[in-house]
Amino acid sequence: MRNVTLVLSDGTRFQGKSFGYDAPVAGEVVFNTAMMGYPESLTDPSYAGQLMALTFPLVGNYGVPEFSIEDNGIPTFMESDKIYASAIIVSDYTEEYSHWNAKESLADWLKREHVPGITGIDTRQLTKVLREHGVMMGKILFDDEPDNIPEADYEGVNFVDKVSCKEVITYQPSNGDTNAPKVVLVDCGVKANIIRCLINRGVEVIRVPWNYDFNELEFDGLFLANGPGDPDMCEEAVVNIRKFMELETLKPETSVRPIMGICMGNQLLSKAAGATIYKLKYGHRSHNQPVREVGTERCFITSQNHGYAVDITTIGEDWEPLFVNMNDGSNEGIRHKKNPWFSAQFHPEACSGPVDTENLFDKFVALLK
C-alpha cells in the first residue's frame, strides 16, 4: 500500500494508505454515517464528483457482489452501471471478506473501475472537521508523487447532465401487463431500485434524459428521480415540469395526472412550484435520518443522500410541506394542496437502508388513472 495524504481546502491533512486504484483525485469531501451499503453507495450516481468518507470504521468485510444485469435491464445488486463516487475514504479496510454473495474484494473492484480508495484515516475526526467547517473540497495525493496534484472540477458543473441517460429507455412491468399504466421517469441520476419499485408494482417506466421535453409523450404519471449536484443547474428540467403542471391545471380536477419526486426530484418540483434552494452545511448522507410527516406525530427513519435543501418559506401558496427533518428542521418533501403531486427528499426505495417509507410508491401507483 502506497502512502497517501488527504488534503482539505482549509489545509487540514490526514495520512493514510492507498488500497484502491493508484491515482490522485480531487472532489468534494462528504461523509456518510451508514453502517453498511458501500456497493450501493458507490454506484449511486448522486455521489458523482465526491470523495465519500464512511464513518463506520470497518469497511470491506463482506466484499462486493457480482455485477449482473436482470432480464429487465436493471442491475441485480448495484444501483447503476458503474462506480460514480470519485473515491472512498475509510478508517479500517478489511482485505479478507466473507459473504455468501461476494465475488471479489472492495479493493479489486475499485482497481478494476479505476477509483481510488484510502484507509487508515481517522474518519470520525474527519467528520468532525466537516461538521464544523461544512463540506469542502479535498485532494488525495500520493506522497511519492508530490508534483502530481489534481484539480477538482465541481463548482458550476452540471453533474446531472453527466449521469443522466442520453436516450429514452423503456422498462416493462414485472407482471407482463400489456395495458399497464405508463410513467415518465425524468432521469437525473436514478437509482436502479427506484425503477424496480415501479415496475414491480405493475407500471411501465419510460426513462427520459433530464432535459427531455416529455410533454409530447402519452403517459399516466410523472416521476422525478434523484441525482447529484446543484439543482439550480437543471433549469431545463424545471421548465418542462412547470409546463406539465400548467397544462394539467387546465384539466378537470379528477383527470389531473400525478407527480412523485425523490431527492433531486423534490428540489426540482419545488423549484417548479416557485421555491428556492440552498446548500446544507454538510448534507444528509446516512440510513438514520428521522423524518416526521407534517400534521401528524408519525416519524420515519429514512435513507438519504443530498447536499441541498428546499427553502420551504419560498414555496408557492398552493403548496405545503409534507415531511420535515427532525434533526435540523429542513424540508423533506412537499405536496400540492389540491392536485395529486408530492415528493420526498429522502429515499423510500431504501436500498440499502430502512424500508419504512416504501409505501409512498404504493400511494403514487394508486393515483395513476
Protein backbone atom coordinates (compact mmCIF):
# COMPACT_ATOMS: atom_id res chain seq x y z
CA MET A 1 0.00 0.00 0.00
CA ARG A 2 1.37 3.40 -1.01
CA ASN A 3 1.33 6.34 1.38
CA VAL A 4 -1.26 8.98 0.56
CA THR A 5 -2.41 12.28 2.06
CA LEU A 6 -5.93 13.68 2.11
CA VAL A 7 -5.66 17.47 1.96
CA LEU A 8 -8.77 19.55 2.62
CA SER A 9 -9.22 23.02 1.17
CA ASP A 10 -8.70 24.58 4.61
CA GLY A 11 -5.25 22.95 4.81
CA THR A 12 -6.19 20.08 7.17
CA ARG A 13 -4.22 16.94 6.31
CA PHE A 14 -4.83 13.23 7.01
CA GLN A 15 -2.28 10.50 6.34
CA GLY A 16 -3.36 7.13 5.02
CA LYS A 17 -2.65 4.22 2.69
CA SER A 18 -3.97 3.53 -0.79
CA PHE A 19 -5.97 0.31 -1.23
CA GLY A 20 -7.84 1.15 -4.43
CA TYR A 21 -6.70 2.48 -7.78
CA ASP A 22 -3.41 4.34 -7.51
CA ALA A 23 -4.19 7.78 -8.90
CA PRO A 24 -4.54 11.20 -7.27
CA VAL A 25 -8.04 12.67 -7.31
CA ALA A 26 -9.88 15.82 -6.24
CA GLY A 27 -13.52 16.47 -5.37
CA GLU A 28 -15.99 17.50 -2.72
CA VAL A 29 -15.38 15.60 0.54
CA VAL A 30 -18.60 14.35 2.16
CA PHE A 31 -19.33 11.85 4.92
CA ASN A 32 -21.85 9.02 5.18
CA THR A 33 -22.82 7.63 8.60
CA ALA A 34 -24.41 4.38 7.36
CA MET A 35 -23.07 1.15 8.86
CA MET A 36 -23.37 -0.80 5.60
CA GLY A 37 -24.16 -0.44 1.91
CA TYR A 38 -20.87 0.60 0.30
CA PRO A 39 -21.67 -1.22 -3.01
CA GLU A 40 -24.98 0.66 -3.26
CA SER A 41 -23.50 3.99 -2.20
CA LEU A 42 -20.51 3.81 -4.55
CA THR A 43 -22.81 3.08 -7.51
CA ASP A 44 -25.34 5.78 -6.56
CA PRO A 45 -24.99 8.48 -9.27
CA SER A 46 -25.78 11.10 -6.62
CA TYR A 47 -22.17 10.71 -5.39
CA ALA A 48 -20.69 11.83 -8.72
CA GLY A 49 -17.73 14.14 -8.18
CA GLN A 50 -17.46 13.41 -4.46
CA LEU A 51 -14.87 11.79 -2.18
CA MET A 52 -17.03 9.66 0.11
CA ALA A 53 -15.85 9.16 3.70
CA LEU A 54 -17.53 6.40 5.72
CA THR A 55 -17.77 6.99 9.47
CA PHE A 56 -18.33 3.32 10.27
CA PRO A 57 -14.78 2.11 10.97
CA LEU A 58 -14.79 -1.41 9.44
CA VAL A 59 -15.30 -1.49 5.65
CA GLY A 60 -14.82 -4.29 3.13
CA ASN A 61 -15.60 -7.26 5.34
CA TYR A 62 -18.47 -8.53 3.18
CA GLY A 63 -16.78 -7.93 -0.18
CA VAL A 64 -18.60 -6.97 -3.35
CA PRO A 65 -21.33 -8.90 -5.19
CA GLU A 66 -21.08 -9.87 -8.83
CA PHE A 67 -22.16 -7.19 -11.28
CA SER A 68 -25.05 -8.70 -13.20
CA ILE A 69 -27.99 -7.36 -15.21
CA GLU A 70 -31.50 -8.78 -14.88
CA ASP A 71 -33.70 -9.57 -17.87
CA ASN A 72 -35.47 -6.24 -17.34
CA GLY A 73 -32.21 -4.35 -17.85
CA ILE A 74 -31.74 -3.38 -14.19
CA PRO A 75 -28.56 -4.21 -12.22
CA THR A 76 -29.23 -7.00 -9.72
CA PHE A 77 -27.17 -5.75 -6.77
CA MET A 78 -25.81 -2.33 -7.74
CA GLU A 79 -27.64 0.97 -8.12
CA SER A 80 -26.24 1.78 -11.57
CA ASP A 81 -23.83 0.61 -14.24
CA LYS A 82 -20.59 1.64 -12.50
CA ILE A 83 -18.99 3.41 -9.53
CA TYR A 84 -19.86 7.11 -9.63
CA ALA A 85 -18.12 8.30 -6.43
CA SER A 86 -14.68 9.75 -7.19
CA ALA A 87 -13.07 7.97 -4.21
CA ILE A 88 -13.84 6.20 -0.94
CA ILE A 89 -12.19 7.08 2.39
CA VAL A 90 -12.30 4.57 5.27
CA SER A 91 -10.77 4.05 8.67
CA ASP A 92 -10.02 0.32 8.50
CA TYR A 93 -10.19 -1.57 5.21
CA THR A 94 -10.56 -5.33 5.63
CA GLU A 95 -8.72 -7.31 2.96
CA GLU A 96 -10.32 -10.62 3.93
CA TYR A 97 -14.05 -10.75 3.20
CA SER A 98 -16.78 -13.29 3.82
CA HIS A 99 -20.32 -13.21 2.42
CA TRP A 100 -22.49 -15.69 0.50
CA ASN A 101 -22.95 -13.18 -2.30
CA ALA A 102 -19.40 -11.81 -2.56
CA LYS A 103 -17.45 -12.33 -5.78
CA GLU A 104 -14.48 -10.01 -5.23
CA SER A 105 -12.90 -7.70 -2.68
CA LEU A 106 -13.69 -4.00 -2.45
CA ALA A 107 -10.06 -3.25 -3.36
CA ASP A 108 -10.18 -5.37 -6.52
CA TRP A 109 -13.45 -3.70 -7.57
CA LEU A 110 -12.02 -0.21 -7.04
CA LYS A 111 -8.90 -1.05 -9.03
CA ARG A 112 -10.93 -2.55 -11.86
CA GLU A 113 -13.07 0.61 -12.10
CA HIS A 114 -10.10 2.99 -11.60
CA VAL A 115 -11.46 4.51 -8.36
CA PRO A 116 -9.05 5.46 -5.54
CA GLY A 117 -9.59 4.20 -2.00
CA ILE A 118 -7.68 5.18 1.12
CA THR A 119 -7.56 3.55 4.52
CA GLY A 120 -6.00 4.43 7.86
CA ILE A 121 -7.82 7.77 8.01
CA ASP A 122 -9.47 8.80 11.27
CA THR A 123 -12.82 9.24 9.52
CA ARG A 124 -14.61 10.32 12.69
CA GLN A 125 -12.14 13.14 13.19
CA LEU A 126 -12.54 13.99 9.52
CA THR A 127 -16.31 14.08 10.06
CA LYS A 128 -15.90 16.45 12.99
CA VAL A 129 -13.89 18.79 10.78
CA LEU A 130 -16.56 18.68 8.06
CA ARG A 131 -19.37 19.21 10.59
CA GLU A 132 -17.65 22.29 11.99
CA HIS A 133 -16.50 23.79 8.72
CA GLY A 134 -19.07 22.32 6.33
CA VAL A 135 -18.31 20.11 3.34
CA MET A 136 -15.26 21.31 1.45
CA MET A 137 -13.10 20.41 -1.48
CA GLY A 138 -10.26 17.96 -0.97
CA LYS A 139 -7.47 16.12 -2.76
CA ILE A 140 -5.99 12.65 -2.37
CA LEU A 141 -2.26 12.96 -3.10
CA PHE A 142 0.39 10.24 -3.35
CA ASP A 143 3.39 11.04 -1.17
CA ASP A 144 5.84 9.68 -3.74
CA GLU A 145 4.35 11.88 -6.49
CA PRO A 146 4.50 15.34 -4.87
CA ASP A 147 4.15 17.17 -8.20
CA ASN A 148 1.09 15.21 -9.40
CA ILE A 149 -1.65 17.47 -7.99
CA PRO A 150 -5.19 17.10 -9.42
CA GLU A 151 -7.67 19.94 -9.71
CA ALA A 152 -11.32 19.44 -8.87
CA ASP A 153 -13.96 20.28 -11.46
CA TYR A 154 -17.00 20.63 -9.19
CA GLU A 155 -18.41 24.11 -8.67
CA GLY A 156 -20.66 25.13 -11.54
CA VAL A 157 -20.63 21.65 -13.07
CA ASN A 158 -23.94 20.11 -14.15
CA PHE A 159 -23.39 16.61 -12.77
CA VAL A 160 -26.96 15.64 -13.62
CA ASP A 161 -26.10 16.01 -17.29
CA LYS A 162 -23.07 13.76 -16.76
CA VAL A 163 -25.02 10.88 -15.17
CA SER A 164 -28.42 11.04 -16.89
CA CYS A 165 -29.30 8.66 -19.70
CA LYS A 166 -28.82 10.04 -23.23
CA GLU A 167 -31.82 8.40 -24.88
CA VAL A 168 -35.29 7.18 -23.96
CA ILE A 169 -35.31 3.74 -22.29
CA THR A 170 -38.47 1.73 -21.60
CA TYR A 171 -38.90 -0.86 -18.82
CA GLN A 172 -41.85 -3.24 -18.95
CA PRO A 173 -43.82 -4.09 -15.78
CA SER A 174 -42.79 -7.24 -13.95
CA ASN A 175 -46.28 -8.73 -14.25
CA GLY A 176 -46.19 -8.55 -18.05
CA ASP A 177 -49.34 -6.41 -18.25
CA THR A 178 -49.52 -5.01 -21.79
CA ASN A 179 -52.08 -2.42 -20.65
CA ALA A 180 -50.05 -1.22 -17.67
CA PRO A 181 -50.10 2.48 -16.74
CA LYS A 182 -47.18 4.41 -18.18
CA VAL A 183 -44.94 6.59 -16.03
CA VAL A 184 -42.38 9.02 -17.43
CA LEU A 185 -39.28 8.98 -15.21
CA VAL A 186 -37.06 12.05 -15.54
CA ASP A 187 -33.57 10.62 -15.06
CA CYS A 188 -31.38 12.97 -13.07
CA GLY A 189 -29.22 10.05 -11.89
CA VAL A 190 -31.83 7.48 -10.95
CA LYS A 191 -31.02 4.56 -8.66
CA ALA A 192 -31.87 1.13 -10.04
CA ASN A 193 -34.12 0.24 -7.13
CA ILE A 194 -36.43 3.18 -7.89
CA ILE A 195 -37.13 1.69 -11.31
CA ARG A 196 -37.54 -1.74 -9.71
CA CYS A 197 -40.04 -0.41 -7.16
CA LEU A 198 -42.16 0.96 -10.01
CA ILE A 199 -42.11 -1.98 -12.42
CA ASN A 200 -42.72 -4.43 -9.54
CA ARG A 201 -45.97 -2.53 -8.94
CA GLY A 202 -47.19 -3.15 -12.47
CA VAL A 203 -46.01 0.09 -14.06
CA GLU A 204 -44.34 0.63 -17.44
CA VAL A 205 -41.47 3.09 -16.95
CA ILE A 206 -40.39 5.46 -19.73
CA ARG A 207 -36.98 6.77 -18.64
CA VAL A 208 -36.04 10.04 -20.32
CA PRO A 209 -32.95 12.30 -20.12
CA TRP A 210 -33.07 15.07 -17.52
CA ASN A 211 -33.70 17.84 -20.08
CA TYR A 212 -36.08 15.90 -22.35
CA ASP A 213 -39.42 17.58 -23.08
CA PHE A 214 -41.71 14.73 -22.11
CA ASN A 215 -44.91 16.74 -22.55
CA GLU A 216 -45.45 15.37 -26.06
CA LEU A 217 -45.49 11.77 -24.82
CA GLU A 218 -48.54 9.71 -23.84
CA PHE A 219 -48.28 8.72 -20.17
CA ASP A 220 -50.28 8.43 -16.97
CA GLY A 221 -47.92 9.87 -14.34
CA LEU A 222 -44.67 11.76 -13.90
CA PHE A 223 -41.78 10.62 -11.70
CA LEU A 224 -38.81 12.88 -10.87
CA ALA A 225 -35.71 10.93 -9.87
CA ASN A 226 -32.70 11.60 -7.65
CA GLY A 227 -29.39 12.96 -8.89
CA PRO A 228 -26.11 14.69 -7.97
CA GLY A 229 -25.04 18.27 -7.56
CA ASP A 230 -26.80 21.60 -7.59
CA PRO A 231 -30.47 21.58 -8.72
CA ASP A 232 -30.09 25.18 -9.90
CA MET A 233 -28.06 23.74 -12.79
CA CYS A 234 -31.16 21.91 -14.08
CA GLU A 235 -33.33 24.78 -15.27
CA GLU A 236 -34.38 22.93 -18.44
CA ALA A 237 -35.93 20.19 -16.32
CA VAL A 238 -37.72 22.77 -14.16
CA VAL A 239 -39.18 24.42 -17.27
CA ASN A 240 -40.55 21.08 -18.51
CA ILE A 241 -42.04 20.24 -15.09
CA ARG A 242 -43.65 23.66 -14.80
CA LYS A 243 -45.07 23.32 -18.31
CA PHE A 244 -46.57 19.95 -17.37
CA MET A 245 -48.20 21.36 -14.24
CA GLU A 246 -49.61 24.36 -16.07
CA LEU A 247 -51.19 22.10 -18.71
CA GLU A 248 -52.61 19.78 -16.05
CA THR A 249 -54.26 22.61 -14.14
CA LEU A 250 -56.39 23.31 -17.22
CA LYS A 251 -57.98 19.86 -16.88
CA PRO A 252 -60.87 18.83 -14.62
CA GLU A 253 -59.55 18.03 -11.14
CA THR A 254 -60.42 14.33 -11.48
CA SER A 255 -58.20 13.85 -14.55
CA VAL A 256 -55.03 15.58 -13.33
CA ARG A 257 -52.06 13.23 -13.69
CA PRO A 258 -49.96 12.56 -10.55
CA ILE A 259 -46.35 13.57 -9.86
CA MET A 260 -43.90 11.97 -7.43
CA GLY A 261 -40.35 13.17 -6.79
CA ILE A 262 -37.43 11.75 -4.82
CA CYS A 263 -34.37 13.68 -3.57
CA MET A 264 -33.31 15.86 -6.52
CA GLY A 265 -36.88 15.32 -7.74
CA ASN A 266 -38.17 17.04 -4.60
CA GLN A 267 -35.95 20.02 -5.27
CA LEU A 268 -36.87 20.29 -8.95
CA LEU A 269 -40.59 20.00 -8.18
CA SER A 270 -40.17 22.69 -5.51
CA LYS A 271 -38.33 24.97 -7.94
CA ALA A 272 -41.14 24.49 -10.45
CA ALA A 273 -43.52 25.49 -7.66
CA GLY A 274 -41.57 28.72 -7.07
CA ALA A 275 -39.27 27.74 -4.22
CA THR A 276 -35.56 28.48 -3.88
CA ILE A 277 -32.83 26.01 -2.94
CA TYR A 278 -29.93 26.39 -0.52
CA LYS A 279 -26.88 24.29 0.24
CA LEU A 280 -26.78 22.46 3.56
CA LYS A 281 -23.69 22.83 5.71
CA TYR A 282 -22.72 19.17 5.44
CA GLY A 283 -25.75 17.48 3.91
CA HIS A 284 -27.70 14.37 4.86
CA ARG A 285 -25.97 11.12 3.92
CA SER A 286 -26.97 8.18 6.09
CA HIS A 287 -29.56 5.49 6.80
CA ASN A 288 -30.78 7.01 10.06
CA GLN A 289 -32.34 10.41 9.30
CA PRO A 290 -35.54 10.91 11.35
CA VAL A 291 -38.36 12.48 9.34
CA ARG A 292 -41.83 13.48 10.57
CA GLU A 293 -44.94 13.65 8.42
CA VAL A 294 -46.22 17.20 8.80
CA GLY A 295 -49.54 17.44 10.64
CA THR A 296 -49.04 14.10 12.40
CA GLU A 297 -46.85 12.53 15.06
CA ARG A 298 -45.68 9.83 12.63
CA CYS A 299 -41.89 9.67 12.42
CA PHE A 300 -39.88 7.56 9.99
CA ILE A 301 -36.24 6.52 9.82
CA THR A 302 -35.02 7.26 6.32
CA SER A 303 -32.08 6.76 3.98
CA GLN A 304 -30.74 9.98 2.47
CA ASN A 305 -28.01 11.32 0.20
CA HIS A 306 -28.16 15.02 -0.67
CA GLY A 307 -26.34 18.28 -0.05
CA TYR A 308 -29.09 20.78 -0.90
CA ALA A 309 -32.49 21.54 0.60
CA VAL A 310 -35.70 23.43 -0.23
CA ASP A 311 -36.39 26.75 1.47
CA ILE A 312 -39.99 25.90 2.32
CA THR A 313 -40.79 29.55 3.17
CA THR A 314 -40.47 30.38 -0.54
CA ILE A 315 -42.87 27.73 -1.87
CA GLY A 316 -45.98 28.78 -3.81
CA GLU A 317 -49.21 29.31 -1.88
CA ASP A 318 -50.81 26.23 -3.47
CA TRP A 319 -48.17 24.01 -1.87
CA GLU A 320 -47.35 22.86 1.65
CA PRO A 321 -44.63 20.83 3.40
CA LEU A 322 -45.22 17.08 3.56
CA PHE A 323 -42.23 15.96 5.67
CA VAL A 324 -39.74 17.71 7.95
CA ASN A 325 -36.30 16.59 9.18
CA MET A 326 -36.34 16.11 12.95
CA ASN A 327 -32.61 16.83 13.30
CA ASP A 328 -32.35 20.25 11.68
CA GLY A 329 -35.91 21.21 10.69
CA SER A 330 -35.13 21.24 6.97
CA ASN A 331 -37.76 20.33 4.40
CA GLU A 332 -38.10 16.65 3.49
CA GLY A 333 -40.93 16.79 0.98
CA ILE A 334 -43.82 18.84 -0.39
CA ARG A 335 -47.35 18.29 -1.66
CA HIS A 336 -49.87 20.28 -3.64
CA LYS A 337 -52.96 21.30 -1.68
CA LYS A 338 -55.36 20.14 -4.39
CA ASN A 339 -53.60 18.14 -7.12
CA PRO A 340 -52.00 14.65 -6.68
CA TRP A 341 -48.44 15.99 -6.67
CA PHE A 342 -45.98 15.15 -3.88
CA SER A 343 -42.32 14.46 -3.23
CA ALA A 344 -39.83 13.18 -0.65
CA GLN A 345 -36.30 14.42 -0.05
CA PHE A 346 -35.34 11.00 1.33
CA HIS A 347 -35.14 7.64 -0.49
CA PRO A 348 -38.23 5.48 0.11
CA GLU A 349 -36.80 2.71 -2.10
CA ALA A 350 -34.15 2.41 0.61
CA CYS A 351 -31.54 0.17 -0.96
CA SER A 352 -29.54 -0.13 1.12
CA GLY A 353 -31.35 1.25 4.14
CA PRO A 354 -34.68 1.19 6.01
CA VAL A 355 -37.90 0.40 4.13
CA ASP A 356 -40.23 2.39 6.40
CA THR A 357 -41.49 4.62 3.60
CA GLU A 358 -41.60 2.36 0.53
CA ASN A 359 -45.38 2.67 0.71
CA LEU A 360 -45.03 6.06 -0.99
CA PHE A 361 -44.66 4.10 -4.24
CA ASP A 362 -47.98 2.39 -3.50
CA LYS A 363 -49.56 5.80 -2.98
CA PHE A 364 -48.21 7.08 -6.29
CA VAL A 365 -49.25 3.99 -8.29
CA ALA A 366 -52.75 4.13 -6.76
CA LEU A 367 -53.12 7.66 -8.17
CA LEU A 368 -52.42 6.55 -11.76
CA LYS A 369 -55.57 6.66 -13.87
